[in-house]
Amino acid sequence: MTARRPSSREIEIKLPIGDIPALLGRLRRVGAVSHGRVFERNTLYDTPSSDLRRRGRLLRLRIETPAPSRWVRGGARRALLTSKAPVPSTTRSRYKQRYERELMVVPRRPWPALLRSVGLRPTFRYEKYRTALRLPGLHLDLDETPVGNFLELEGSPRAIDHIARALGFRPRDSIRGTYWDLFAAYCRRHGHTPRHMLF
């Protein structure tokens, strides 16, 4: 295990994307700096009785490999273990908020077997291509998924709203859902049983 990020409050929204090259052009014009494109293999783990899900918690293993495109260089190869927990709130917000802790781990270790050995099992697998970009005080991630393309904005509500407006989005464009939520909605619209969101 190489690096751990302390627990932080994650505040984010997703925005639906149509034209990726046009969006990348707008992102460059507002000064966003690309950190490369990767292919992600994500697996959520839980106990056999789904204790984490029932408590609104999440444990995810993410494996990233470089995936350059015509527009973006490849990113870094790495693996991350991430835990997320709900933020107590009495008001409805248009931002998704979770407590998050992230641990960078050695990609070559047999993490799926190690997690199974402590009683955890894989529950949901999903894949996406992610282009990471940064602005001062804001993380921007362009995600290409089997159910559509999305731009995630993570930072303070003020920074999120400012950049969303600069990119031509309106507050009603914001999506709070997780990728499981988006995948389940896609499957309902197309009459499929949701299992794993894979290319």
C-alpha atoms as a PDB file:
ATOM      1  CA  MET A   1       0.000   0.000   0.000  1.00  0.00           C
ATOM      2  CA  THR A   2       1.597   3.214  -1.123  1.00  0.00           C
ATOM      3  CA  ALA A   3      -0.556   6.218  -0.296  1.00  0.00           C
ATOM      4  CA  ARG A   4      -3.696   7.015   1.664  1.00  0.00           C
ATOM      5  CA  ARG A   5      -5.901  10.063   1.346  1.00  0.00           C
ATOM      6  CA  PRO A   6      -7.658  11.053   4.597  1.00  0.00           C
ATOM      7  CA  SER A   7     -11.445  11.034   4.718  1.00  0.00           C
ATOM      8  CA  SER A   8     -12.887  13.943   2.803  1.00  0.00           C
ATOM      9  CA  ARG A   9     -16.329  15.202   1.913  1.00  0.00           C
ATOM     10  CA  GLU A  10     -16.965  14.538  -1.763  1.00  0.00           C
ATOM     11  CA  ILE A  11     -19.349  17.033  -3.388  1.00  0.00           C
ATOM     12  CA  GLU A  12     -20.104  16.405  -7.054  1.00  0.00           C
ATOM     13  CA  ILE A  13     -22.548  16.371  -9.933  1.00  0.00           C
ATOM     14  CA  LYS A  14     -22.636  14.625 -13.291  1.00  0.00           C
ATOM     15  CA  LEU A  15     -23.523  16.336 -16.566  1.00  0.00           C
ATOM     16  CA  PRO A  16     -24.624  14.477 -19.722  1.00  0.00           C
ATOM     17  CA  ILE A  17     -22.226  14.902 -22.663  1.00  0.00           C
ATOM     18  CA  GLY A  18     -22.929  14.596 -26.390  1.00  0.00           C
ATOM     19  CA  ASP A  19     -19.931  15.840 -28.373  1.00  0.00           C
ATOM     20  CA  ILE A  20     -16.682  14.866 -26.605  1.00  0.00           C
ATOM     21  CA  PRO A  21     -14.213  16.762 -28.878  1.00  0.00           C
ATOM     22  CA  ALA A  22     -16.313  19.947 -28.554  1.00  0.00           C
ATOM     23  CA  LEU A  23     -16.402  19.583 -24.767  1.00  0.00           C
ATOM     24  CA  LEU A  24     -12.627  19.025 -24.606  1.00  0.00           C
ATOM     25  CA  GLY A  25     -12.179  22.231 -26.612  1.00  0.00           C
ATOM     26  CA  ARG A  26     -14.359  24.170 -24.146  1.00  0.00           C
ATOM     27  CA  LEU A  27     -12.473  22.664 -21.212  1.00  0.00           C
ATOM     28  CA  ARG A  28      -9.144  23.791 -22.679  1.00  0.00           C
ATOM     29  CA  ARG A  29     -10.530  27.298 -23.194  1.00  0.00           C
ATOM     30  CA  VAL A  30     -11.454  27.588 -19.507  1.00  0.00           C
ATOM     31  CA  GLY A  31      -7.937  26.437 -18.568  1.00  0.00           C
ATOM     32  CA  ALA A  32      -8.531  22.805 -17.553  1.00  0.00           C
ATOM     33  CA  VAL A  33      -5.344  20.724 -17.562  1.00  0.00           C
ATOM     34  CA  SER A  34      -5.576  17.082 -18.674  1.00  0.00           C
ATOM     35  CA  HIS A  35      -3.966  14.323 -16.596  1.00  0.00           C
ATOM     36  CA  GLY A  36      -4.574  11.666 -19.246  1.00  0.00           C
ATOM     37  CA  ARG A  37      -7.144   9.022 -20.156  1.00  0.00           C
ATOM     38  CA  VAL A  38      -7.422   5.593 -18.548  1.00  0.00           C
ATOM     39  CA  PHE A  39      -9.597   2.518 -18.840  1.00  0.00           C
ATOM     40  CA  GLU A  40     -11.186   1.714 -15.484  1.00  0.00           C
ATOM     41  CA  ARG A  41     -12.319  -1.670 -14.209  1.00  0.00           C
ATOM     42  CA  ASN A  42     -14.397  -1.047 -11.083  1.00  0.00           C
ATOM     43  CA  THR A  43     -15.766  -3.692  -8.715  1.00  0.00           C
ATOM     44  CA  LEU A  44     -17.973  -3.028  -5.698  1.00  0.00           C
ATOM     45  CA  TYR A  45     -17.581  -5.437  -2.754  1.00  0.00           C
ATOM     46  CA  ASP A  46     -19.953  -6.231   0.081  1.00  0.00           C
ATOM     47  CA  THR A  47     -20.647  -8.891   2.686  1.00  0.00           C
ATOM     48  CA  PRO A  48     -22.862 -11.855   1.733  1.00  0.00           C
ATOM     49  CA  SER A  49     -25.755 -10.168   3.584  1.00  0.00           C
ATOM     50  CA  SER A  50     -25.160  -6.776   1.871  1.00  0.00           C
ATOM     51  CA  ASP A  51     -24.317  -4.974   5.109  1.00  0.00           C
ATOM     52  CA  LEU A  52     -22.505  -2.117   3.357  1.00  0.00           C
ATOM     53  CA  ARG A  53     -25.310  -1.433   0.877  1.00  0.00           C
ATOM     54  CA  ARG A  54     -27.980  -1.517   3.608  1.00  0.00           C
ATOM     55  CA  ARG A  55     -26.018   1.130   5.546  1.00  0.00           C
ATOM     56  CA  GLY A  56     -25.510   3.334   2.473  1.00  0.00           C
ATOM     57  CA  ARG A  57     -21.804   2.491   2.323  1.00  0.00           C
ATOM     58  CA  LEU A  58     -19.570   1.377  -0.525  1.00  0.00           C
ATOM     59  CA  LEU A  59     -16.220  -0.390  -0.948  1.00  0.00           C
ATOM     60  CA  ARG A  60     -14.715  -0.257  -4.448  1.00  0.00           C
ATOM     61  CA  LEU A  61     -11.621  -1.690  -6.089  1.00  0.00           C
ATOM     62  CA  ARG A  62     -10.582   0.293  -9.176  1.00  0.00           C
ATOM     63  CA  ILE A  63      -7.878  -0.813 -11.619  1.00  0.00           C
ATOM     64  CA  GLU A  64      -6.726   1.849 -14.122  1.00  0.00           C
ATOM     65  CA  THR A  65      -4.675   1.239 -17.268  1.00  0.00           C
ATOM     66  CA  PRO A  66      -3.484   3.889 -19.762  1.00  0.00           C
ATOM     67  CA  ALA A  67      -5.912   4.421 -22.674  1.00  0.00           C
ATOM     68  CA  PRO A  68      -4.774   7.239 -24.996  1.00  0.00           C
ATOM     69  CA  SER A  69      -7.238   8.521 -27.598  1.00  0.00           C
ATOM     70  CA  ARG A  70      -7.024  10.793 -30.644  1.00  0.00           C
ATOM     71  CA  TRP A  71      -7.506  13.795 -28.369  1.00  0.00           C
ATOM     72  CA  VAL A  72      -5.893  12.856 -25.033  1.00  0.00           C
ATOM     73  CA  ARG A  73      -2.674  11.153 -23.933  1.00  0.00           C
ATOM     74  CA  GLY A  74      -2.782   8.046 -21.750  1.00  0.00           C
ATOM     75  CA  GLY A  75      -2.949   8.380 -17.977  1.00  0.00           C
ATOM     76  CA  ALA A  76      -1.107   6.505 -15.236  1.00  0.00           C
ATOM     77  CA  ARG A  77      -1.416   2.821 -14.340  1.00  0.00           C
ATOM     78  CA  ARG A  78      -2.655   2.427 -10.767  1.00  0.00           C
ATOM     79  CA  ALA A  79      -5.078   0.675  -8.416  1.00  0.00           C
ATOM     80  CA  LEU A  80      -7.286   2.276  -5.755  1.00  0.00           C
ATOM     81  CA  LEU A  81      -9.380   0.995  -2.874  1.00  0.00           C
ATOM     82  CA  THR A  82     -12.132   3.470  -2.028  1.00  0.00           C
ATOM     83  CA  SER A  83     -14.696   3.527   0.760  1.00  0.00           C
ATOM     84  CA  LYS A  84     -17.678   5.875   0.778  1.00  0.00           C
ATOM     85  CA  ALA A  85     -20.216   6.654   3.479  1.00  0.00           C
ATOM     86  CA  PRO A  86     -23.363   8.783   3.559  1.00  0.00           C
ATOM     87  CA  VAL A  87     -23.337  12.386   4.743  1.00  0.00           C
ATOM     88  CA  PRO A  88     -26.131  13.038   7.260  1.00  0.00           C
ATOM     89  CA  SER A  89     -28.389  15.712   5.829  1.00  0.00           C
ATOM     90  CA  THR A  90     -31.817  17.101   6.585  1.00  0.00           C
ATOM     91  CA  THR A  91     -32.205  18.985   3.302  1.00  0.00           C
ATOM     92  CA  ARG A  92     -32.390  17.810  -0.303  1.00  0.00           C
ATOM     93  CA  SER A  93     -29.406  19.010  -2.340  1.00  0.00           C
ATOM     94  CA  ARG A  94     -28.826  18.872  -6.085  1.00  0.00           C
ATOM     95  CA  TYR A  95     -25.222  17.828  -5.322  1.00  0.00           C
ATOM     96  CA  LYS A  96     -24.243  14.267  -4.494  1.00  0.00           C
ATOM     97  CA  GLN A  97     -22.354  14.285  -1.186  1.00  0.00           C
ATOM     98  CA  ARG A  98     -20.473  11.393   0.430  1.00  0.00           C
ATOM     99  CA  TYR A  99     -17.603  10.918   2.831  1.00  0.00           C
ATOM    100  CA  GLU A 100     -14.748   9.297   0.933  1.00  0.00           C
ATOM    101  CA  ARG A 101     -11.457   7.645   1.850  1.00  0.00           C
ATOM    102  CA  GLU A 102      -9.077   6.448  -0.842  1.00  0.00           C
ATOM    103  CA  LEU A 103      -6.045   4.159  -0.652  1.00  0.00           C
ATOM    104  CA  MET A 104      -3.604   3.727  -3.531  1.00  0.00           C
ATOM    105  CA  VAL A 105      -2.505   0.072  -3.638  1.00  0.00           C
ATOM    106  CA  VAL A 106      -0.026  -2.022  -5.601  1.00  0.00           C
ATOM    107  CA  PRO A 107      -1.809  -3.052  -8.832  1.00  0.00           C
ATOM    108  CA  ARG A 108       0.001  -6.398  -9.104  1.00  0.00           C
ATOM    109  CA  ARG A 109      -1.343  -7.748  -5.802  1.00  0.00           C
ATOM    110  CA  PRO A 110      -4.252 -10.238  -6.103  1.00  0.00           C
ATOM    111  CA  TRP A 111      -6.765  -7.826  -4.579  1.00  0.00           C
ATOM    112  CA  PRO A 112      -9.954  -9.691  -5.584  1.00  0.00           C
ATOM    113  CA  ALA A 113      -8.682 -12.833  -3.822  1.00  0.00           C
ATOM    114  CA  LEU A 114      -7.534 -10.833  -0.791  1.00  0.00           C
ATOM    115  CA  LEU A 115     -10.934  -9.166  -0.442  1.00  0.00           C
ATOM    116  CA  ARG A 116     -12.703 -12.519  -0.768  1.00  0.00           C
ATOM    117  CA  SER A 117     -10.422 -13.951   1.924  1.00  0.00           C
ATOM    118  CA  VAL A 118     -11.838 -11.460   4.470  1.00  0.00           C
ATOM    119  CA  GLY A 119     -15.445 -12.337   3.632  1.00  0.00           C
ATOM    120  CA  LEU A 120     -16.238  -9.758   0.950  1.00  0.00           C
ATOM    121  CA  ARG A 121     -17.751 -10.667  -2.402  1.00  0.00           C
ATOM    122  CA  PRO A 122     -18.021  -8.775  -5.694  1.00  0.00           C
ATOM    123  CA  THR A 123     -21.509  -7.364  -6.254  1.00  0.00           C
ATOM    124  CA  PHE A 124     -21.379  -4.953  -9.220  1.00  0.00           C
ATOM    125  CA  ARG A 125     -18.738  -4.473 -11.902  1.00  0.00           C
ATOM    126  CA  TYR A 126     -18.616  -1.478 -14.208  1.00  0.00           C
ATOM    127  CA  GLU A 127     -16.186  -0.200 -16.821  1.00  0.00           C
ATOM    128  CA  LYS A 128     -15.501   3.233 -18.232  1.00  0.00           C
ATOM    129  CA  TYR A 129     -12.891   5.343 -19.934  1.00  0.00           C
ATOM    130  CA  ARG A 130     -11.987   8.355 -17.813  1.00  0.00           C
ATOM    131  CA  THR A 131     -10.143  11.517 -18.828  1.00  0.00           C
ATOM    132  CA  ALA A 132      -9.060  13.386 -15.698  1.00  0.00           C
ATOM    133  CA  LEU A 133      -8.775  17.188 -15.855  1.00  0.00           C
ATOM    134  CA  ARG A 134      -8.049  19.756 -13.173  1.00  0.00           C
ATOM    135  CA  LEU A 135      -8.775  23.408 -12.461  1.00  0.00           C
ATOM    136  CA  PRO A 136      -7.851  25.234  -9.250  1.00  0.00           C
ATOM    137  CA  GLY A 137     -10.134  23.807  -6.558  1.00  0.00           C
ATOM    138  CA  LEU A 138     -12.018  21.531  -8.968  1.00  0.00           C
ATOM    139  CA  HIS A 139     -11.706  17.968 -10.277  1.00  0.00           C
ATOM    140  CA  LEU A 140     -13.278  17.297 -13.687  1.00  0.00           C
ATOM    141  CA  ASP A 141     -13.604  13.747 -14.997  1.00  0.00           C
ATOM    142  CA  LEU A 142     -14.919  12.977 -18.476  1.00  0.00           C
ATOM    143  CA  ASP A 143     -16.381   9.460 -18.352  1.00  0.00           C
ATOM    144  CA  GLU A 144     -17.230   7.374 -21.411  1.00  0.00           C
ATOM    145  CA  THR A 145     -19.510   4.531 -20.300  1.00  0.00           C
ATOM    146  CA  PRO A 146     -21.671   1.834 -21.920  1.00  0.00           C
ATOM    147  CA  VAL A 147     -24.763   3.942 -21.052  1.00  0.00           C
ATOM    148  CA  GLY A 148     -23.538   7.351 -22.211  1.00  0.00           C
ATOM    149  CA  ASN A 149     -20.896  10.004 -21.627  1.00  0.00           C
ATOM    150  CA  PHE A 150     -20.802  12.199 -18.534  1.00  0.00           C
ATOM    151  CA  LEU A 151     -18.684  14.967 -17.047  1.00  0.00           C
ATOM    152  CA  GLU A 152     -18.225  14.744 -13.287  1.00  0.00           C
ATOM    153  CA  LEU A 153     -17.462  17.996 -11.470  1.00  0.00           C
ATOM    154  CA  GLU A 154     -16.131  17.649  -7.916  1.00  0.00           C
ATOM    155  CA  GLY A 155     -15.367  20.565  -5.622  1.00  0.00           C
ATOM    156  CA  SER A 156     -17.268  23.253  -3.762  1.00  0.00           C
ATOM    157  CA  PRO A 157     -20.830  24.002  -4.926  1.00  0.00           C
ATOM    158  CA  ARG A 158     -19.720  27.485  -5.965  1.00  0.00           C
ATOM    159  CA  ALA A 159     -16.829  26.162  -8.103  1.00  0.00           C
ATOM    160  CA  ILE A 160     -19.044  23.470  -9.624  1.00  0.00           C
ATOM    161  CA  ASP A 161     -21.751  25.968 -10.583  1.00  0.00           C
ATOM    162  CA  HIS A 162     -19.256  28.472 -11.991  1.00  0.00           C
ATOM    163  CA  ILE A 163     -17.597  25.968 -14.349  1.00  0.00           C
ATOM    164  CA  ALA A 164     -20.878  24.294 -15.307  1.00  0.00           C
ATOM    165  CA  ARG A 165     -22.201  27.704 -16.435  1.00  0.00           C
ATOM    166  CA  ALA A 166     -18.943  28.491 -18.264  1.00  0.00           C
ATOM    167  CA  LEU A 167     -19.286  25.202 -20.164  1.00  0.00           C
ATOM    168  CA  GLY A 168     -22.878  26.002 -21.185  1.00  0.00           C
ATOM    169  CA  PHE A 169     -24.811  23.827 -18.706  1.00  0.00           C
ATOM    170  CA  ARG A 170     -27.828  24.805 -16.611  1.00  0.00           C
ATOM    171  CA  PRO A 171     -28.678  23.696 -13.031  1.00  0.00           C
ATOM    172  CA  ARG A 172     -31.409  21.405 -14.357  1.00  0.00           C
ATOM    173  CA  ASP A 173     -28.756  19.442 -16.309  1.00  0.00           C
ATOM    174  CA  SER A 174     -27.212  18.189 -13.031  1.00  0.00           C
ATOM    175  CA  ILE A 175     -27.399  14.474 -12.210  1.00  0.00           C
ATOM    176  CA  ARG A 176     -26.908  13.278  -8.605  1.00  0.00           C
ATOM    177  CA  GLY A 177     -27.110   9.557  -9.301  1.00  0.00           C
ATOM    178  CA  THR A 178     -24.360   6.951  -9.119  1.00  0.00           C
ATOM    179  CA  TYR A 179     -23.301   4.863 -12.098  1.00  0.00           C
ATOM    180  CA  TRP A 180     -25.411   2.038 -10.700  1.00  0.00           C
ATOM    181  CA  ASP A 181     -28.428   4.406 -10.740  1.00  0.00           C
ATOM    182  CA  LEU A 182     -27.732   5.429 -14.345  1.00  0.00           C
ATOM    183  CA  PHE A 183     -27.184   1.824 -15.425  1.00  0.00           C
ATOM    184  CA  ALA A 184     -30.351   0.582 -13.689  1.00  0.00           C
ATOM    185  CA  ALA A 185     -32.400   3.365 -15.337  1.00  0.00           C
ATOM    186  CA  TYR A 186     -30.907   2.490 -18.744  1.00  0.00           C
ATOM    187  CA  CYS A 187     -31.815  -1.189 -18.245  1.00  0.00           C
ATOM    188  CA  ARG A 188     -35.392  -0.293 -17.258  1.00  0.00           C
ATOM    189  CA  ARG A 189     -35.793   1.823 -20.410  1.00  0.00           C
ATOM    190  CA  HIS A 190     -34.501  -1.020 -22.602  1.00  0.00           C
ATOM    191  CA  GLY A 191     -36.199  -3.915 -20.814  1.00  0.00           C
ATOM    192  CA  HIS A 192     -32.968  -5.501 -19.518  1.00  0.00           C
ATOM    193  CA  THR A 193     -32.162  -7.000 -16.145  1.00  0.00           C
ATOM    194  CA  PRO A 194     -29.283  -4.973 -14.645  1.00  0.00           C
ATOM    195  CA  ARG A 195     -26.194  -7.030 -13.832  1.00  0.00           C
ATOM    196  CA  HIS A 196     -22.849  -5.480 -14.729  1.00  0.00           C
ATOM    197  CA  MET A 197     -22.118  -2.326 -16.781  1.00  0.00           C
ATOM    198  CA  LEU A 198     -19.443  -3.609 -19.140  1.00  0.00           C
ATOM    199  CA  PHE A 199     -18.356  -2.774 -22.705  1.00  0.00           C
END
